[in-house]
Amino acid sequence: MTRRCAVLVLLLSLSLSTALMAQSAPSTDAAIRASFAKQAADWNRGDLDTFATAYKNSPDILFIGSKVSRGYAQMLERYRTVYSSREKMGILTFSDIEVQPLDAHFATATGRFHLERTADGGGNADGSYMLVFERTPQGWKIVRDVTIPAPKP
């Protein structure tokens, strides 16, 4: 009897866990897409400090681009150095966004970015990204960022 009860409890737990994950998937997707929309608006206003709040303010975050940056301060400094003027920042758009909840605390997002810039700003730039988001008390925050610029033609 105890074995049968244990199996029943396990099956009920798995069913409940699956139902809760399915229920949270749309809200996770919507929250992360809203984060992208806010980031683009912040960037397009030239506000790097607010743009960076999409990342978890932690020494443990990891940004992998042409160089590897670890920690919030290093990531923000990299953005400030690379995008030191409005011309270099340009206008940011995200596309082809796909959000994949992994569990109640983590999700990934993949997609493409485009920077519309003048020749003075370095010309247009495109690329792909894969982000890992963590659900925090402040909402979904980026903890891993792998950004791959598209090759220049």
N, C-alpha and C. Protein backbone atom coordinates (compact mmCIF):
# COMPACT_ATOMS: atom_id res chain seq x y z
N MET A 1 0.82 -1.19 0.00
CA MET A 1 0.00 0.00 0.00
C MET A 1 0.87 1.25 0.00
N THR A 2 1.94 1.27 0.77
CA THR A 2 2.80 2.46 0.81
C THR A 2 3.46 2.71 -0.53
N ARG A 3 3.85 1.67 -1.21
CA ARG A 3 4.47 1.84 -2.52
C ARG A 3 3.48 2.43 -3.50
N ARG A 4 2.24 1.96 -3.46
CA ARG A 4 1.20 2.46 -4.35
C ARG A 4 0.92 3.94 -4.05
N CYS A 5 0.89 4.31 -2.79
CA CYS A 5 0.68 5.71 -2.40
C CYS A 5 1.83 6.58 -2.87
N ALA A 6 3.04 6.07 -2.73
CA ALA A 6 4.21 6.84 -3.15
C ALA A 6 4.17 7.10 -4.66
N VAL A 7 3.79 6.09 -5.43
CA VAL A 7 3.68 6.25 -6.89
C VAL A 7 2.59 7.26 -7.21
N LEU A 8 1.47 7.18 -6.52
CA LEU A 8 0.38 8.12 -6.75
C LEU A 8 0.80 9.55 -6.42
N VAL A 9 1.49 9.74 -5.30
CA VAL A 9 1.98 11.07 -4.92
C VAL A 9 2.97 11.59 -5.96
N LEU A 10 3.85 10.73 -6.44
CA LEU A 10 4.83 11.12 -7.46
C LEU A 10 4.11 11.55 -8.75
N LEU A 11 3.14 10.77 -9.18
CA LEU A 11 2.40 11.11 -10.40
C LEU A 11 1.63 12.42 -10.25
N LEU A 12 1.01 12.62 -9.09
CA LEU A 12 0.30 13.88 -8.85
C LEU A 12 1.27 15.06 -8.82
N SER A 13 2.43 14.88 -8.21
CA SER A 13 3.43 15.94 -8.17
C SER A 13 3.92 16.30 -9.57
N LEU A 14 4.19 15.28 -10.39
CA LEU A 14 4.63 15.54 -11.76
C LEU A 14 3.55 16.25 -12.56
N SER A 15 2.31 15.83 -12.40
CA SER A 15 1.20 16.48 -13.10
C SER A 15 1.06 17.93 -12.69
N LEU A 16 1.14 18.20 -11.40
CA LEU A 16 1.03 19.56 -10.89
C LEU A 16 2.20 20.41 -11.38
N SER A 17 3.41 19.86 -11.34
CA SER A 17 4.59 20.59 -11.80
C SER A 17 4.48 20.93 -13.28
N THR A 18 4.03 19.97 -14.10
CA THR A 18 3.85 20.21 -15.54
C THR A 18 2.79 21.27 -15.77
N ALA A 19 1.70 21.21 -15.03
CA ALA A 19 0.63 22.20 -15.17
C ALA A 19 1.10 23.58 -14.79
N LEU A 20 1.88 23.68 -13.71
CA LEU A 20 2.38 24.99 -13.28
C LEU A 20 3.37 25.57 -14.29
N MET A 21 4.23 24.72 -14.86
CA MET A 21 5.17 25.20 -15.87
C MET A 21 4.42 25.65 -17.12
N ALA A 22 3.41 24.92 -17.54
CA ALA A 22 2.63 25.31 -18.71
C ALA A 22 1.91 26.62 -18.45
N GLN A 23 1.43 26.81 -17.23
CA GLN A 23 0.73 28.04 -16.86
C GLN A 23 1.69 29.23 -16.84
N SER A 24 2.92 29.02 -16.38
CA SER A 24 3.86 30.13 -16.28
C SER A 24 4.51 30.46 -17.61
N ALA A 25 4.50 29.55 -18.59
CA ALA A 25 5.16 29.79 -19.87
C ALA A 25 4.65 31.05 -20.56
N PRO A 26 3.34 31.28 -20.70
CA PRO A 26 2.90 32.52 -21.36
C PRO A 26 3.33 33.77 -20.60
N SER A 27 3.26 33.75 -19.27
CA SER A 27 3.66 34.94 -18.52
C SER A 27 5.17 35.14 -18.60
N THR A 28 5.95 34.07 -18.63
CA THR A 28 7.39 34.16 -18.80
C THR A 28 7.70 34.76 -20.16
N ASP A 29 7.07 34.25 -21.20
CA ASP A 29 7.27 34.74 -22.56
C ASP A 29 6.94 36.23 -22.64
N ALA A 30 5.78 36.62 -22.12
CA ALA A 30 5.36 38.02 -22.16
C ALA A 30 6.30 38.92 -21.37
N ALA A 31 6.74 38.48 -20.20
CA ALA A 31 7.63 39.30 -19.37
C ALA A 31 8.98 39.49 -20.05
N ILE A 32 9.52 38.44 -20.66
CA ILE A 32 10.82 38.56 -21.31
C ILE A 32 10.71 39.39 -22.58
N ARG A 33 9.63 39.24 -23.32
CA ARG A 33 9.43 40.09 -24.51
C ARG A 33 9.27 41.56 -24.10
N ALA A 34 8.62 41.80 -22.98
CA ALA A 34 8.49 43.17 -22.48
C ALA A 34 9.87 43.73 -22.09
N SER A 35 10.74 42.88 -21.56
CA SER A 35 12.09 43.29 -21.22
C SER A 35 12.85 43.73 -22.48
N PHE A 36 12.70 42.99 -23.57
CA PHE A 36 13.34 43.37 -24.83
C PHE A 36 12.80 44.71 -25.33
N ALA A 37 11.50 44.91 -25.26
CA ALA A 37 10.90 46.17 -25.71
C ALA A 37 11.43 47.34 -24.88
N LYS A 38 11.53 47.14 -23.56
CA LYS A 38 12.04 48.19 -22.69
C LYS A 38 13.51 48.46 -22.99
N GLN A 39 14.29 47.41 -23.18
CA GLN A 39 15.70 47.59 -23.50
C GLN A 39 15.88 48.41 -24.78
N ALA A 40 15.12 48.07 -25.81
CA ALA A 40 15.23 48.81 -27.08
C ALA A 40 14.88 50.28 -26.87
N ALA A 41 13.81 50.55 -26.13
CA ALA A 41 13.41 51.94 -25.87
C ALA A 41 14.50 52.68 -25.08
N ASP A 42 15.06 52.03 -24.06
CA ASP A 42 16.13 52.65 -23.26
C ASP A 42 17.35 52.94 -24.13
N TRP A 43 17.74 51.97 -24.93
CA TRP A 43 18.90 52.13 -25.82
C TRP A 43 18.66 53.28 -26.80
N ASN A 44 17.48 53.29 -27.40
CA ASN A 44 17.19 54.29 -28.42
C ASN A 44 17.06 55.70 -27.85
N ARG A 45 16.90 55.81 -26.54
CA ARG A 45 16.95 57.10 -25.84
C ARG A 45 18.38 57.47 -25.46
N GLY A 46 19.32 56.54 -25.65
CA GLY A 46 20.71 56.77 -25.29
C GLY A 46 20.99 56.53 -23.82
N ASP A 47 20.13 55.79 -23.14
CA ASP A 47 20.23 55.58 -21.70
C ASP A 47 20.81 54.19 -21.40
N LEU A 48 22.15 54.09 -21.45
CA LEU A 48 22.81 52.80 -21.21
C LEU A 48 22.61 52.29 -19.79
N ASP A 49 22.57 53.19 -18.81
CA ASP A 49 22.40 52.76 -17.42
C ASP A 49 21.07 52.04 -17.23
N THR A 50 20.00 52.61 -17.80
CA THR A 50 18.68 51.97 -17.67
C THR A 50 18.61 50.72 -18.53
N PHE A 51 19.19 50.75 -19.73
CA PHE A 51 19.27 49.58 -20.60
C PHE A 51 19.88 48.40 -19.84
N ALA A 52 20.94 48.68 -19.08
CA ALA A 52 21.68 47.62 -18.38
C ALA A 52 20.88 47.01 -17.23
N THR A 53 19.81 47.65 -16.77
CA THR A 53 19.03 47.08 -15.67
C THR A 53 18.30 45.80 -16.07
N ALA A 54 18.31 45.46 -17.36
CA ALA A 54 17.76 44.17 -17.79
C ALA A 54 18.66 43.02 -17.35
N TYR A 55 19.91 43.34 -17.00
CA TYR A 55 20.86 42.35 -16.52
C TYR A 55 20.79 42.28 -15.00
N LYS A 56 21.07 41.13 -14.46
CA LYS A 56 21.12 40.97 -13.01
C LYS A 56 22.36 41.70 -12.49
N ASN A 57 22.18 42.56 -11.51
CA ASN A 57 23.30 43.30 -10.96
C ASN A 57 24.05 42.37 -10.01
N SER A 58 24.99 41.64 -10.60
CA SER A 58 25.71 40.60 -9.86
C SER A 58 27.11 40.43 -10.44
N PRO A 59 28.08 40.09 -9.61
CA PRO A 59 29.42 39.81 -10.14
C PRO A 59 29.46 38.47 -10.90
N ASP A 60 28.38 37.71 -10.84
CA ASP A 60 28.35 36.39 -11.47
C ASP A 60 27.83 36.38 -12.90
N ILE A 61 27.27 37.49 -13.40
CA ILE A 61 26.75 37.44 -14.76
C ILE A 61 27.91 37.30 -15.73
N LEU A 62 27.60 36.79 -16.92
CA LEU A 62 28.64 36.52 -17.92
C LEU A 62 28.17 37.03 -19.26
N PHE A 63 29.00 37.83 -19.93
CA PHE A 63 28.72 38.37 -21.25
C PHE A 63 29.81 37.86 -22.18
N ILE A 64 29.40 37.14 -23.22
CA ILE A 64 30.37 36.60 -24.17
C ILE A 64 30.09 37.23 -25.53
N GLY A 65 31.03 38.03 -25.98
CA GLY A 65 30.98 38.67 -27.29
C GLY A 65 32.35 38.50 -27.90
N SER A 66 32.92 39.60 -28.43
CA SER A 66 34.29 39.51 -28.94
C SER A 66 35.26 39.28 -27.79
N LYS A 67 34.86 39.70 -26.59
CA LYS A 67 35.61 39.43 -25.36
C LYS A 67 34.64 38.87 -24.33
N VAL A 68 35.17 38.25 -23.30
CA VAL A 68 34.35 37.73 -22.21
C VAL A 68 34.38 38.75 -21.07
N SER A 69 33.21 39.15 -20.62
CA SER A 69 33.09 40.06 -19.48
C SER A 69 32.35 39.34 -18.38
N ARG A 70 32.84 39.49 -17.16
CA ARG A 70 32.18 38.87 -16.01
C ARG A 70 31.79 39.97 -15.04
N GLY A 71 30.53 39.92 -14.63
CA GLY A 71 30.06 40.88 -13.65
C GLY A 71 29.37 42.07 -14.28
N TYR A 72 28.44 42.62 -13.52
CA TYR A 72 27.62 43.74 -13.98
C TYR A 72 28.47 44.96 -14.31
N ALA A 73 29.40 45.33 -13.43
CA ALA A 73 30.21 46.53 -13.64
C ALA A 73 31.05 46.42 -14.91
N GLN A 74 31.66 45.27 -15.15
CA GLN A 74 32.49 45.07 -16.34
C GLN A 74 31.63 45.09 -17.59
N MET A 75 30.44 44.49 -17.54
CA MET A 75 29.53 44.49 -18.68
C MET A 75 29.13 45.92 -19.02
N LEU A 76 28.75 46.70 -18.00
CA LEU A 76 28.32 48.07 -18.24
C LEU A 76 29.47 48.92 -18.78
N GLU A 77 30.66 48.74 -18.25
CA GLU A 77 31.82 49.48 -18.74
C GLU A 77 32.11 49.14 -20.20
N ARG A 78 31.95 47.88 -20.56
CA ARG A 78 32.16 47.47 -21.95
C ARG A 78 31.17 48.19 -22.86
N TYR A 79 29.90 48.22 -22.47
CA TYR A 79 28.90 48.94 -23.27
C TYR A 79 29.27 50.41 -23.40
N ARG A 80 29.69 51.03 -22.30
CA ARG A 80 30.04 52.46 -22.33
C ARG A 80 31.23 52.73 -23.24
N THR A 81 32.18 51.80 -23.28
CA THR A 81 33.37 51.97 -24.12
C THR A 81 33.04 51.76 -25.60
N VAL A 82 32.35 50.68 -25.91
CA VAL A 82 32.05 50.35 -27.30
C VAL A 82 31.03 51.31 -27.90
N TYR A 83 30.06 51.73 -27.10
CA TYR A 83 28.97 52.60 -27.58
C TYR A 83 29.06 53.95 -26.87
N SER A 84 30.17 54.65 -27.12
CA SER A 84 30.48 55.88 -26.38
C SER A 84 29.77 57.13 -26.90
N SER A 85 29.01 57.00 -27.97
CA SER A 85 28.28 58.16 -28.50
C SER A 85 26.93 57.69 -29.05
N ARG A 86 26.03 58.63 -29.25
CA ARG A 86 24.71 58.29 -29.82
C ARG A 86 24.88 57.72 -31.23
N GLU A 87 25.87 58.25 -31.98
CA GLU A 87 26.11 57.75 -33.34
C GLU A 87 26.53 56.28 -33.31
N LYS A 88 27.35 55.91 -32.34
CA LYS A 88 27.79 54.51 -32.23
C LYS A 88 26.67 53.61 -31.72
N MET A 89 25.76 54.19 -30.93
CA MET A 89 24.63 53.39 -30.42
C MET A 89 23.61 53.12 -31.52
N GLY A 90 23.28 54.15 -32.30
CA GLY A 90 22.29 53.99 -33.35
C GLY A 90 20.91 53.67 -32.79
N ILE A 91 20.10 53.04 -33.61
CA ILE A 91 18.74 52.63 -33.24
C ILE A 91 18.72 51.10 -33.19
N LEU A 92 18.33 50.56 -32.05
CA LEU A 92 18.33 49.12 -31.81
C LEU A 92 16.95 48.52 -32.04
N THR A 93 16.91 47.41 -32.76
CA THR A 93 15.69 46.61 -32.87
C THR A 93 16.05 45.14 -32.64
N PHE A 94 15.11 44.43 -32.04
CA PHE A 94 15.23 42.99 -31.85
C PHE A 94 14.21 42.30 -32.75
N SER A 95 14.56 41.12 -33.26
CA SER A 95 13.62 40.36 -34.08
C SER A 95 13.84 38.87 -33.85
N ASP A 96 12.91 38.09 -34.39
CA ASP A 96 12.99 36.63 -34.31
C ASP A 96 13.18 36.12 -32.88
N ILE A 97 12.54 36.79 -31.94
CA ILE A 97 12.69 36.43 -30.52
C ILE A 97 11.96 35.12 -30.23
N GLU A 98 12.67 34.20 -29.63
CA GLU A 98 12.07 32.94 -29.17
C GLU A 98 12.43 32.77 -27.70
N VAL A 99 11.41 32.60 -26.87
CA VAL A 99 11.60 32.41 -25.44
C VAL A 99 11.30 30.96 -25.09
N GLN A 100 12.20 30.35 -24.34
CA GLN A 100 12.03 28.96 -23.94
C GLN A 100 12.16 28.85 -22.42
N PRO A 101 11.03 28.75 -21.69
CA PRO A 101 11.15 28.54 -20.24
C PRO A 101 11.82 27.20 -19.97
N LEU A 102 12.77 27.20 -19.05
CA LEU A 102 13.46 25.96 -18.68
C LEU A 102 12.84 25.35 -17.43
N ASP A 103 12.48 26.21 -16.49
CA ASP A 103 11.77 25.81 -15.27
C ASP A 103 11.18 27.08 -14.69
N ALA A 104 10.79 27.05 -13.44
CA ALA A 104 10.14 28.22 -12.84
C ALA A 104 11.11 29.38 -12.62
N HIS A 105 12.42 29.12 -12.68
CA HIS A 105 13.41 30.15 -12.34
C HIS A 105 14.31 30.58 -13.49
N PHE A 106 14.36 29.80 -14.56
CA PHE A 106 15.27 30.12 -15.67
C PHE A 106 14.56 29.96 -17.01
N ALA A 107 15.00 30.77 -17.97
CA ALA A 107 14.49 30.69 -19.35
C ALA A 107 15.60 31.15 -20.27
N THR A 108 15.54 30.71 -21.52
CA THR A 108 16.46 31.22 -22.53
C THR A 108 15.68 32.03 -23.54
N ALA A 109 16.40 32.92 -24.21
CA ALA A 109 15.82 33.68 -25.31
C ALA A 109 16.86 33.77 -26.41
N THR A 110 16.42 33.53 -27.63
CA THR A 110 17.30 33.66 -28.79
C THR A 110 16.65 34.63 -29.76
N GLY A 111 17.46 35.20 -30.61
CA GLY A 111 16.92 36.10 -31.62
C GLY A 111 18.02 36.83 -32.34
N ARG A 112 17.60 37.92 -32.99
CA ARG A 112 18.51 38.73 -33.77
C ARG A 112 18.42 40.18 -33.30
N PHE A 113 19.51 40.92 -33.49
CA PHE A 113 19.48 42.35 -33.21
C PHE A 113 19.94 43.09 -34.46
N HIS A 114 19.53 44.35 -34.57
CA HIS A 114 19.96 45.21 -35.67
C HIS A 114 20.20 46.60 -35.10
N LEU A 115 21.36 47.17 -35.41
CA LEU A 115 21.66 48.55 -35.07
C LEU A 115 21.68 49.35 -36.36
N GLU A 116 20.78 50.29 -36.47
CA GLU A 116 20.74 51.20 -37.62
C GLU A 116 21.62 52.38 -37.26
N ARG A 117 22.77 52.51 -37.98
CA ARG A 117 23.72 53.57 -37.66
C ARG A 117 24.21 54.25 -38.93
N THR A 118 24.61 55.49 -38.76
CA THR A 118 25.22 56.22 -39.87
C THR A 118 26.66 55.74 -40.04
N ALA A 119 27.28 56.16 -41.12
CA ALA A 119 28.68 55.80 -41.34
C ALA A 119 29.55 56.35 -40.21
N ASP A 120 29.19 57.55 -39.68
CA ASP A 120 29.94 58.13 -38.57
C ASP A 120 29.89 57.25 -37.32
N GLY A 121 28.82 56.49 -37.19
CA GLY A 121 28.66 55.61 -36.03
C GLY A 121 29.23 54.23 -36.24
N GLY A 122 29.80 53.99 -37.43
CA GLY A 122 30.37 52.68 -37.72
C GLY A 122 29.55 51.85 -38.69
N GLY A 123 28.44 52.43 -39.17
CA GLY A 123 27.59 51.69 -40.09
C GLY A 123 26.68 50.73 -39.35
N ASN A 124 25.75 50.16 -40.09
CA ASN A 124 24.79 49.22 -39.50
C ASN A 124 25.50 48.00 -38.92
N ALA A 125 24.89 47.40 -37.93
CA ALA A 125 25.43 46.18 -37.32
C ALA A 125 24.28 45.23 -37.05
N ASP A 126 24.52 43.95 -37.28
CA ASP A 126 23.53 42.90 -37.05
C ASP A 126 24.19 41.76 -36.32
N GLY A 127 23.36 40.89 -35.78
CA GLY A 127 23.89 39.69 -35.15
C GLY A 127 22.81 38.88 -34.47
N SER A 128 23.25 37.86 -33.80
CA SER A 128 22.37 36.94 -33.08
C SER A 128 22.76 36.92 -31.61
N TYR A 129 21.84 36.44 -30.78
CA TYR A 129 22.13 36.33 -29.36
C TYR A 129 21.41 35.13 -28.77
N MET A 130 21.96 34.66 -27.68
CA MET A 130 21.33 33.64 -26.85
C MET A 130 21.52 34.11 -25.42
N LEU A 131 20.41 34.33 -24.73
CA LEU A 131 20.44 34.86 -23.37
C LEU A 131 19.85 33.84 -22.40
N VAL A 132 20.38 33.82 -21.20
CA VAL A 132 19.77 33.06 -20.11
C VAL A 132 19.22 34.08 -19.13
N PHE A 133 17.93 33.96 -18.84
CA PHE A 133 17.25 34.82 -17.87
C PHE A 133 17.02 34.06 -16.58
N GLU A 134 17.11 34.77 -15.48
CA GLU A 134 16.79 34.22 -14.17
C GLU A 134 15.64 35.04 -13.57
N ARG A 135 14.66 34.35 -13.01
CA ARG A 135 13.57 35.06 -12.32
C ARG A 135 14.11 35.51 -10.97
N THR A 136 14.07 36.82 -10.74
CA THR A 136 14.56 37.40 -9.49
C THR A 136 13.40 38.16 -8.85
N PRO A 137 13.58 38.62 -7.61
CA PRO A 137 12.52 39.44 -7.00
C PRO A 137 12.23 40.72 -7.81
N GLN A 138 13.20 41.16 -8.63
CA GLN A 138 13.00 42.35 -9.46
C GLN A 138 12.47 42.01 -10.85
N GLY A 139 12.15 40.74 -11.09
CA GLY A 139 11.66 40.30 -12.40
C GLY A 139 12.71 39.46 -13.11
N TRP A 140 12.46 39.17 -14.39
CA TRP A 140 13.38 38.36 -15.18
C TRP A 140 14.61 39.21 -15.53
N LYS A 141 15.80 38.69 -15.21
CA LYS A 141 17.06 39.40 -15.45
C LYS A 141 18.02 38.50 -16.22
N ILE A 142 18.80 39.11 -17.10
CA ILE A 142 19.78 38.38 -17.90
C ILE A 142 20.98 38.03 -17.01
N VAL A 143 21.37 36.74 -17.04
CA VAL A 143 22.54 36.30 -16.28
C VAL A 143 23.65 35.76 -17.19
N ARG A 144 23.31 35.41 -18.41
CA ARG A 144 24.28 34.96 -19.42
C ARG A 144 23.87 35.57 -20.74
N ASP A 145 24.84 36.13 -21.47
CA ASP A 145 24.58 36.79 -22.75
C ASP A 145 25.67 36.37 -23.72
N VAL A 146 25.29 35.62 -24.75
CA VAL A 146 26.21 35.27 -25.82
C VAL A 146 25.72 36.02 -27.06
N THR A 147 26.48 37.01 -27.49
CA THR A 147 26.11 37.83 -28.63
C THR A 147 27.13 37.61 -29.74
N ILE A 148 26.62 37.31 -30.93
CA ILE A 148 27.48 37.00 -32.07
C ILE A 148 27.20 37.99 -33.18
N PRO A 149 28.13 38.92 -33.44
CA PRO A 149 27.92 39.85 -34.54
C PRO A 149 27.96 39.13 -35.88
N ALA A 150 27.11 39.58 -36.81
CA ALA A 150 27.15 39.02 -38.16
C ALA A 150 28.41 39.53 -38.85
N PRO A 151 29.00 38.72 -39.71
CA PRO A 151 30.20 39.19 -40.43
C PRO A 151 29.83 40.39 -41.32
N LYS A 152 30.75 41.34 -41.43
CA LYS A 152 30.55 42.49 -42.31
C LYS A 152 30.67 42.02 -43.77
N PRO A 153 29.77 42.50 -44.64
CA PRO A 153 29.86 42.08 -46.07
C PRO A 153 31.11 42.60 -46.75
